[in-house]
Amino acid sequence: RDKPWWPRVTQREIEWFNSREEASREEIRAITRELP
């Protein structure tokens, strides 16, 4: 609904973590290293 880039998405990868804190740490790591 909100993102103009959404139609470009063709692949979705989902990785599960046991807590929100673990997932948030991985999200920050991924953003700073992988530069989406």
All heavy atoms as atom14 arrays in JSON, in Angstrom:
{
  "sequence": "RDKPWWPRVTQREIEWFNSREEASREEIRAITRELP",
  "atom14_mask": [
    [1, 1, 1, 1, 1, 1, 1, 1, 1, 1, 1, 0, 0, 0],
    [1, 1, 1, 1, 1, 1, 1, 1, 0, 0, 0, 0, 0, 0],
    [1, 1, 1, 1, 1, 1, 1, 1, 1, 0, 0, 0, 0, 0],
    [1, 1, 1, 1, 1, 1, 1, 0, 0, 0, 0, 0, 0, 0],
    [1, 1, 1, 1, 1, 1, 1, 1, 1, 1, 1, 1, 1, 1],
    [1, 1, 1, 1, 1, 1, 1, 1, 1, 1, 1, 1, 1, 1],
    [1, 1, 1, 1, 1, 1, 1, 0, 0, 0, 0, 0, 0, 0],
    [1, 1, 1, 1, 1, 1, 1, 1, 1, 1, 1, 0, 0, 0],
    [1, 1, 1, 1, 1, 1, 1, 0, 0, 0, 0, 0, 0, 0],
    [1, 1, 1, 1, 1, 1, 1, 0, 0, 0, 0, 0, 0, 0],
    [1, 1, 1, 1, 1, 1, 1, 1, 1, 0, 0, 0, 0, 0],
    [1, 1, 1, 1, 1, 1, 1, 1, 1, 1, 1, 0, 0, 0],
    [1, 1, 1, 1, 1, 1, 1, 1, 1, 0, 0, 0, 0, 0],
    [1, 1, 1, 1, 1, 1, 1, 1, 0, 0, 0, 0, 0, 0],
    [1, 1, 1, 1, 1, 1, 1, 1, 1, 0, 0, 0, 0, 0],
    [1, 1, 1, 1, 1, 1, 1, 1, 1, 1, 1, 1, 1, 1],
    [1, 1, 1, 1, 1, 1, 1, 1, 1, 1, 1, 0, 0, 0],
    [1, 1, 1, 1, 1, 1, 1, 1, 0, 0, 0, 0, 0, 0],
    [1, 1, 1, 1, 1, 1, 0, 0, 0, 0, 0, 0, 0, 0],
    [1, 1, 1, 1, 1, 1, 1, 1, 1, 1, 1, 0, 0, 0],
    [1, 1, 1, 1, 1, 1, 1, 1, 1, 0, 0, 0, 0, 0],
    [1, 1, 1, 1, 1, 1, 1, 1, 1, 0, 0, 0, 0, 0],
    [1, 1, 1, 1, 1, 0, 0, 0, 0, 0, 0, 0, 0, 0],
    [1, 1, 1, 1, 1, 1, 0, 0, 0, 0, 0, 0, 0, 0],
    [1, 1, 1, 1, 1, 1, 1, 1, 1, 1, 1, 0, 0, 0],
    [1, 1, 1, 1, 1, 1, 1, 1, 1, 0, 0, 0, 0, 0],
    [1, 1, 1, 1, 1, 1, 1, 1, 1, 0, 0, 0, 0, 0],
    [1, 1, 1, 1, 1, 1, 1, 1, 0, 0, 0, 0, 0, 0],
    [1, 1, 1, 1, 1, 1, 1, 1, 1, 1, 1, 0, 0, 0],
    [1, 1, 1, 1, 1, 0, 0, 0, 0, 0, 0, 0, 0, 0],
    [1, 1, 1, 1, 1, 1, 1, 1, 0, 0, 0, 0, 0, 0],
    [1, 1, 1, 1, 1, 1, 1, 0, 0, 0, 0, 0, 0, 0],
    [1, 1, 1, 1, 1, 1, 1, 1, 1, 1, 1, 0, 0, 0],
    [1, 1, 1, 1, 1, 1, 1, 1, 1, 0, 0, 0, 0, 0],
    [1, 1, 1, 1, 1, 1, 1, 1, 0, 0, 0, 0, 0, 0],
    [1, 1, 1, 1, 1, 1, 1, 0, 0, 0, 0, 0, 0, 0]
  ],
  "atom14_positions": [
    [[0.82, -1.22, 0.0], [0.0, 0.0, 0.0], [0.85, 1.27, 0.0], [0.48, 2.26, -0.61], [-0.9, 0.04, 1.24], [-2.13, -0.81, 1.16], [-3.09, -0.49, 2.32], [-2.46, -0.48, 3.63], [-2.37, -1.54, 4.44], [-2.87, -2.7, 4.06], [-1.8, -1.46, 5.62], [0.0, 0.0, 0.0], [0.0, 0.0, 0.0], [0.0, 0.0, 0.0]],
    [[1.99, 1.24, 0.71], [2.71, 2.47, 1.02], [3.99, 2.74, 0.23], [4.42, 3.88, 0.16], [3.11, 2.48, 2.5], [1.93, 2.37, 3.42], [0.81, 2.68, 3.0], [2.13, 1.96, 4.58], [0.0, 0.0, 0.0], [0.0, 0.0, 0.0], [0.0, 0.0, 0.0], [0.0, 0.0, 0.0], [0.0, 0.0, 0.0], [0.0, 0.0, 0.0]],
    [[4.6, 1.72, -0.32], [5.94, 1.9, -0.89], [5.92, 1.89, -2.41], [5.51, 0.91, -3.03], [6.89, 0.8, -0.39], [6.99, 0.71, 1.12], [7.53, 1.98, 1.72], [7.67, 1.86, 3.23], [7.9, 3.11, 3.86], [0.0, 0.0, 0.0], [0.0, 0.0, 0.0], [0.0, 0.0, 0.0], [0.0, 0.0, 0.0], [0.0, 0.0, 0.0]],
    [[6.42, 2.96, -3.03], [6.43, 3.01, -4.49], [7.34, 1.96, -5.13], [7.16, 1.59, -6.28], [6.92, 4.42, -4.8], [7.55, 4.91, -3.56], [6.93, 4.17, -2.42], [0.0, 0.0, 0.0], [0.0, 0.0, 0.0], [0.0, 0.0, 0.0], [0.0, 0.0, 0.0], [0.0, 0.0, 0.0], [0.0, 0.0, 0.0], [0.0, 0.0, 0.0]],
    [[8.33, 1.44, -4.38], [9.23, 0.45, -4.91], [8.67, -0.98, -4.83], [9.26, -1.9, -5.38], [10.59, 0.51, -4.2], [10.52, 0.57, -2.7], [10.64, 1.69, -1.94], [10.32, -0.52, -1.79], [10.52, 1.37, -0.6], [10.33, 0.01, -0.48], [10.14, -1.89, -1.94], [10.17, -0.78, 0.65], [9.98, -2.69, -0.81], [9.98, -2.13, 0.46]],
    [[7.55, -1.18, -4.16], [7.0, -2.53, -3.94], [6.83, -3.35, -5.23], [7.16, -4.53, -5.23], [5.69, -2.47, -3.16], [5.14, -3.84, -2.93], [4.11, -4.44, -3.6], [5.64, -4.82, -2.02], [3.92, -5.72, -3.14], [4.85, -5.99, -2.16], [6.66, -4.84, -1.09], [5.06, -7.14, -1.43], [6.87, -5.99, -0.34], [6.07, -7.12, -0.52]],
    [[6.36, -2.78, -6.34], [6.19, -3.6, -7.55], [7.48, -4.23, -8.06], [7.44, -5.2, -8.81], [5.64, -2.61, -8.59], [4.97, -1.55, -7.77], [5.81, -1.44, -6.53], [0.0, 0.0, 0.0], [0.0, 0.0, 0.0], [0.0, 0.0, 0.0], [0.0, 0.0, 0.0], [0.0, 0.0, 0.0], [0.0, 0.0, 0.0], [0.0, 0.0, 0.0]],
    [[8.62, -3.72, -7.64], [9.9, -4.29, -8.06], [10.26, -5.57, -7.3], [11.17, -6.29, -7.71], [11.0, -3.25, -7.88], [10.75, -2.01, -8.72], [11.71, -0.92, -8.43], [13.04, -1.3, -8.81], [14.09, -0.51, -8.68], [13.95, 0.69, -8.19], [15.29, -0.92, -9.04], [0.0, 0.0, 0.0], [0.0, 0.0, 0.0], [0.0, 0.0, 0.0]],
    [[9.59, -5.83, -6.18], [9.93, -6.98, -5.34], [9.52, -8.28, -6.04], [8.36, -8.47, -6.38], [9.25, -6.89, -3.96], [9.5, -8.15, -3.14], [9.72, -5.65, -3.21], [0.0, 0.0, 0.0], [0.0, 0.0, 0.0], [0.0, 0.0, 0.0], [0.0, 0.0, 0.0], [0.0, 0.0, 0.0], [0.0, 0.0, 0.0], [0.0, 0.0, 0.0]],
    [[10.51, -9.16, -6.24], [10.23, -10.47, -6.83], [10.65, -11.61, -5.9], [10.26, -12.75, -6.11], [10.93, -10.65, -8.2], [12.34, -10.52, -8.01], [10.42, -9.63, -9.21], [0.0, 0.0, 0.0], [0.0, 0.0, 0.0], [0.0, 0.0, 0.0], [0.0, 0.0, 0.0], [0.0, 0.0, 0.0], [0.0, 0.0, 0.0], [0.0, 0.0, 0.0]],
    [[11.48, -11.29, -4.91], [11.97, -12.32, -3.98], [11.81, -11.84, -2.55], [12.12, -10.68, -2.25], [13.45, -12.6, -4.24], [13.75, -13.1, -5.63], [15.24, -13.2, -5.86], [16.0, -13.53, -4.96], [15.66, -12.92, -7.08], [0.0, 0.0, 0.0], [0.0, 0.0, 0.0], [0.0, 0.0, 0.0], [0.0, 0.0, 0.0], [0.0, 0.0, 0.0]],
    [[11.36, -12.75, -1.7], [11.2, -12.44, -0.28], [11.93, -13.51, 0.52], [11.67, -14.69, 0.35], [9.73, -12.46, 0.11], [8.86, -11.52, -0.67], [7.41, -11.73, -0.33], [6.56, -11.03, -1.28], [5.25, -11.06, -1.25], [4.61, -11.77, -0.32], [4.55, -10.4, -2.14], [0.0, 0.0, 0.0], [0.0, 0.0, 0.0], [0.0, 0.0, 0.0]],
    [[12.84, -13.09, 1.39], [13.56, -14.01, 2.26], [13.14, -13.71, 3.7], [13.14, -12.55, 4.1], [15.07, -13.81, 2.14], [15.61, -14.03, 0.74], [17.05, -13.54, 0.61], [17.72, -13.29, 1.65], [17.5, -13.41, -0.52], [0.0, 0.0, 0.0], [0.0, 0.0, 0.0], [0.0, 0.0, 0.0], [0.0, 0.0, 0.0], [0.0, 0.0, 0.0]],
    [[12.8, -14.74, 4.44], [12.36, -14.55, 5.83], [13.22, -15.42, 6.73], [13.35, -16.63, 6.49], [10.87, -14.91, 6.0], [10.02, -14.02, 5.1], [10.46, -14.77, 7.47], [8.55, -14.41, 5.04], [0.0, 0.0, 0.0], [0.0, 0.0, 0.0], [0.0, 0.0, 0.0], [0.0, 0.0, 0.0], [0.0, 0.0, 0.0], [0.0, 0.0, 0.0]],
    [[13.81, -14.81, 7.76], [14.63, -15.52, 8.74], [14.04, -15.27, 10.12], [13.87, -14.11, 10.51], [16.07, -15.0, 8.66], [17.03, -15.68, 9.58], [18.45, -15.13, 9.44], [18.67, -14.15, 8.69], [19.33, -15.68, 10.12], [0.0, 0.0, 0.0], [0.0, 0.0, 0.0], [0.0, 0.0, 0.0], [0.0, 0.0, 0.0], [0.0, 0.0, 0.0]],
    [[13.72, -16.34, 10.84], [13.05, -16.19, 12.14], [14.05, -16.19, 13.3], [15.05, -16.9, 13.27], [12.04, -17.32, 12.34], [10.85, -17.15, 11.46], [10.62, -17.72, 10.24], [9.72, -16.31, 11.73], [9.43, -17.29, 9.73], [8.84, -16.43, 10.62], [9.35, -15.48, 12.78], [7.64, -15.75, 10.55], [8.15, -14.8, 12.71], [7.31, -14.94, 11.6]],
    [[13.73, -15.39, 14.33], [14.54, -15.29, 15.54], [13.62, -15.52, 16.74], [12.41, -15.32, 16.67], [15.21, -13.92, 15.64], [16.25, -13.72, 14.58], [15.89, -13.28, 13.31], [17.58, -14.01, 14.84], [16.84, -13.12, 12.32], [18.53, -13.85, 13.84], [18.17, -13.41, 12.58], [0.0, 0.0, 0.0], [0.0, 0.0, 0.0], [0.0, 0.0, 0.0]],
    [[14.2, -15.93, 17.86], [13.41, -16.26, 19.05], [12.9, -15.05, 19.81], [12.03, -15.17, 20.66], [14.22, -17.15, 20.0], [14.42, -18.53, 19.4], [13.55, -19.04, 18.7], [15.57, -19.11, 19.67], [0.0, 0.0, 0.0], [0.0, 0.0, 0.0], [0.0, 0.0, 0.0], [0.0, 0.0, 0.0], [0.0, 0.0, 0.0], [0.0, 0.0, 0.0]],
    [[13.48, -13.87, 19.54], [13.01, -12.66, 20.24], [13.11, -11.46, 19.31], [13.85, -11.46, 18.33], [13.85, -12.4, 21.49], [15.15, -11.98, 21.13], [0.0, 0.0, 0.0], [0.0, 0.0, 0.0], [0.0, 0.0, 0.0], [0.0, 0.0, 0.0], [0.0, 0.0, 0.0], [0.0, 0.0, 0.0], [0.0, 0.0, 0.0], [0.0, 0.0, 0.0]],
    [[12.36, -10.43, 19.66], [12.39, -9.18, 18.91], [13.78, -8.54, 18.99], [14.27, -7.97, 18.03], [11.32, -8.23, 19.48], [11.23, -6.89, 18.81], [10.42, -7.0, 17.58], [10.32, -5.72, 16.87], [9.5, -5.5, 15.89], [8.68, -6.46, 15.5], [9.48, -4.35, 15.28], [0.0, 0.0, 0.0], [0.0, 0.0, 0.0], [0.0, 0.0, 0.0]],
    [[14.43, -8.67, 20.15], [15.76, -8.08, 20.34], [16.77, -8.71, 19.4], [17.56, -8.01, 18.76], [16.21, -8.23, 21.8], [15.47, -7.34, 22.77], [14.04, -7.81, 23.09], [13.72, -9.01, 22.85], [13.24, -6.99, 23.54], [0.0, 0.0, 0.0], [0.0, 0.0, 0.0], [0.0, 0.0, 0.0], [0.0, 0.0, 0.0], [0.0, 0.0, 0.0]],
    [[16.77, -10.04, 19.28], [17.68, -10.72, 18.36], [17.42, -10.28, 16.92], [18.35, -10.0, 16.17], [17.49, -12.24, 18.43], [18.09, -12.92, 19.61], [17.81, -14.42, 19.53], [18.48, -15.09, 18.71], [16.92, -14.9, 20.26], [0.0, 0.0, 0.0], [0.0, 0.0, 0.0], [0.0, 0.0, 0.0], [0.0, 0.0, 0.0], [0.0, 0.0, 0.0]],
    [[16.16, -10.24, 16.55], [15.8, -9.86, 15.19], [16.21, -8.41, 14.9], [16.73, -8.11, 13.82], [14.3, -10.05, 14.97], [0.0, 0.0, 0.0], [0.0, 0.0, 0.0], [0.0, 0.0, 0.0], [0.0, 0.0, 0.0], [0.0, 0.0, 0.0], [0.0, 0.0, 0.0], [0.0, 0.0, 0.0], [0.0, 0.0, 0.0], [0.0, 0.0, 0.0]],
    [[16.01, -7.53, 15.85], [16.38, -6.12, 15.66], [17.89, -5.95, 15.48], [18.34, -5.16, 14.65], [15.9, -5.28, 16.83], [14.49, -5.25, 16.86], [0.0, 0.0, 0.0], [0.0, 0.0, 0.0], [0.0, 0.0, 0.0], [0.0, 0.0, 0.0], [0.0, 0.0, 0.0], [0.0, 0.0, 0.0], [0.0, 0.0, 0.0], [0.0, 0.0, 0.0]],
    [[18.66, -6.72, 16.24], [20.12, -6.66, 16.07], [20.53, -7.13, 14.67], [21.37, -6.52, 14.02], [20.82, -7.51, 17.14], [20.93, -6.82, 18.48], [21.89, -7.53, 19.41], [21.48, -8.9, 19.71], [20.67, -9.26, 20.7], [20.16, -8.34, 21.5], [20.38, -10.53, 20.9], [0.0, 0.0, 0.0], [0.0, 0.0, 0.0], [0.0, 0.0, 0.0]],
    [[19.89, -8.19, 14.19], [20.2, -8.7, 12.85], [19.76, -7.7, 11.78], [20.45, -7.51, 10.77], [19.53, -10.05, 12.61], [19.67, -10.56, 11.19], [21.1, -10.73, 10.7], [22.04, -10.82, 11.52], [21.29, -10.78, 9.46], [0.0, 0.0, 0.0], [0.0, 0.0, 0.0], [0.0, 0.0, 0.0], [0.0, 0.0, 0.0], [0.0, 0.0, 0.0]],
    [[18.61, -7.06, 11.98], [18.15, -6.07, 11.0], [19.16, -4.93, 10.88], [19.53, -4.53, 9.76], [16.79, -5.5, 11.43], [16.29, -4.41, 10.48], [15.13, -3.62, 11.05], [15.05, -3.45, 12.28], [14.3, -3.17, 10.25], [0.0, 0.0, 0.0], [0.0, 0.0, 0.0], [0.0, 0.0, 0.0], [0.0, 0.0, 0.0], [0.0, 0.0, 0.0]],
    [[19.62, -4.4, 12.0], [20.6, -3.31, 11.98], [21.9, -3.77, 11.31], [22.48, -3.06, 10.48], [20.86, -2.78, 13.41], [19.61, -2.07, 13.91], [22.08, -1.87, 13.45], [19.61, -1.79, 15.4], [0.0, 0.0, 0.0], [0.0, 0.0, 0.0], [0.0, 0.0, 0.0], [0.0, 0.0, 0.0], [0.0, 0.0, 0.0], [0.0, 0.0, 0.0]],
    [[22.35, -4.97, 11.65], [23.56, -5.51, 11.03], [23.4, -5.61, 9.52], [24.26, -5.19, 8.75], [23.91, -6.88, 11.62], [25.27, -7.4, 11.14], [25.37, -8.91, 11.16], [24.45, -9.56, 10.25], [24.59, -9.64, 8.92], [25.6, -9.06, 8.32], [23.71, -10.25, 8.17], [0.0, 0.0, 0.0], [0.0, 0.0, 0.0], [0.0, 0.0, 0.0]],
    [[22.26, -6.14, 9.09], [22.01, -6.32, 7.66], [21.94, -4.97, 6.92], [22.49, -4.83, 5.83], [20.71, -7.11, 7.45], [0.0, 0.0, 0.0], [0.0, 0.0, 0.0], [0.0, 0.0, 0.0], [0.0, 0.0, 0.0], [0.0, 0.0, 0.0], [0.0, 0.0, 0.0], [0.0, 0.0, 0.0], [0.0, 0.0, 0.0], [0.0, 0.0, 0.0]],
    [[21.29, -3.99, 7.52], [21.17, -2.68, 6.87], [22.54, -2.03, 6.73], [22.88, -1.51, 5.66], [20.19, -1.77, 7.64], [18.77, -2.28, 7.49], [20.3, -0.33, 7.16], [17.75, -1.62, 8.4], [0.0, 0.0, 0.0], [0.0, 0.0, 0.0], [0.0, 0.0, 0.0], [0.0, 0.0, 0.0], [0.0, 0.0, 0.0], [0.0, 0.0, 0.0]],
    [[23.35, -2.06, 7.77], [24.65, -1.39, 7.71], [25.64, -2.13, 6.83], [26.48, -1.5, 6.19], [25.25, -1.18, 9.12], [25.36, -2.43, 9.77], [24.4, -0.23, 9.93], [0.0, 0.0, 0.0], [0.0, 0.0, 0.0], [0.0, 0.0, 0.0], [0.0, 0.0, 0.0], [0.0, 0.0, 0.0], [0.0, 0.0, 0.0], [0.0, 0.0, 0.0]],
    [[25.56, -3.44, 6.74], [26.53, -4.2, 5.93], [26.07, -4.46, 4.5], [26.88, -4.5, 3.58], [26.84, -5.53, 6.6], [27.64, -5.37, 7.86], [28.1, -6.69, 8.36], [28.85, -6.5, 9.6], [29.12, -7.45, 10.44], [28.74, -8.68, 10.18], [29.8, -7.21, 11.54], [0.0, 0.0, 0.0], [0.0, 0.0, 0.0], [0.0, 0.0, 0.0]],
    [[24.77, -4.67, 4.31], [24.27, -5.07, 2.99], [23.72, -3.9, 2.18], [23.47, -4.04, 0.99], [23.21, -6.16, 3.17], [23.77, -7.4, 3.85], [22.69, -8.4, 4.25], [21.68, -8.53, 3.52], [22.85, -9.04, 5.31], [0.0, 0.0, 0.0], [0.0, 0.0, 0.0], [0.0, 0.0, 0.0], [0.0, 0.0, 0.0], [0.0, 0.0, 0.0]],
    [[23.53, -2.76, 2.81], [23.08, -1.52, 2.17], [21.89, -1.69, 1.23], [21.98, -1.45, 0.02], [24.24, -0.86, 1.41], [25.4, -0.38, 2.27], [26.5, 0.17, 1.38], [24.96, 0.65, 3.28], [0.0, 0.0, 0.0], [0.0, 0.0, 0.0], [0.0, 0.0, 0.0], [0.0, 0.0, 0.0], [0.0, 0.0, 0.0], [0.0, 0.0, 0.0]],
    [[20.75, -2.1, 1.76], [19.56, -2.2, 0.91], [19.21, -0.83, 0.32], [19.39, 0.2, 0.97], [18.47, -2.7, 1.86], [18.98, -2.43, 3.23], [20.47, -2.38, 3.16], [0.0, 0.0, 0.0], [0.0, 0.0, 0.0], [0.0, 0.0, 0.0], [0.0, 0.0, 0.0], [0.0, 0.0, 0.0], [0.0, 0.0, 0.0], [0.0, 0.0, 0.0]]
  ]
}
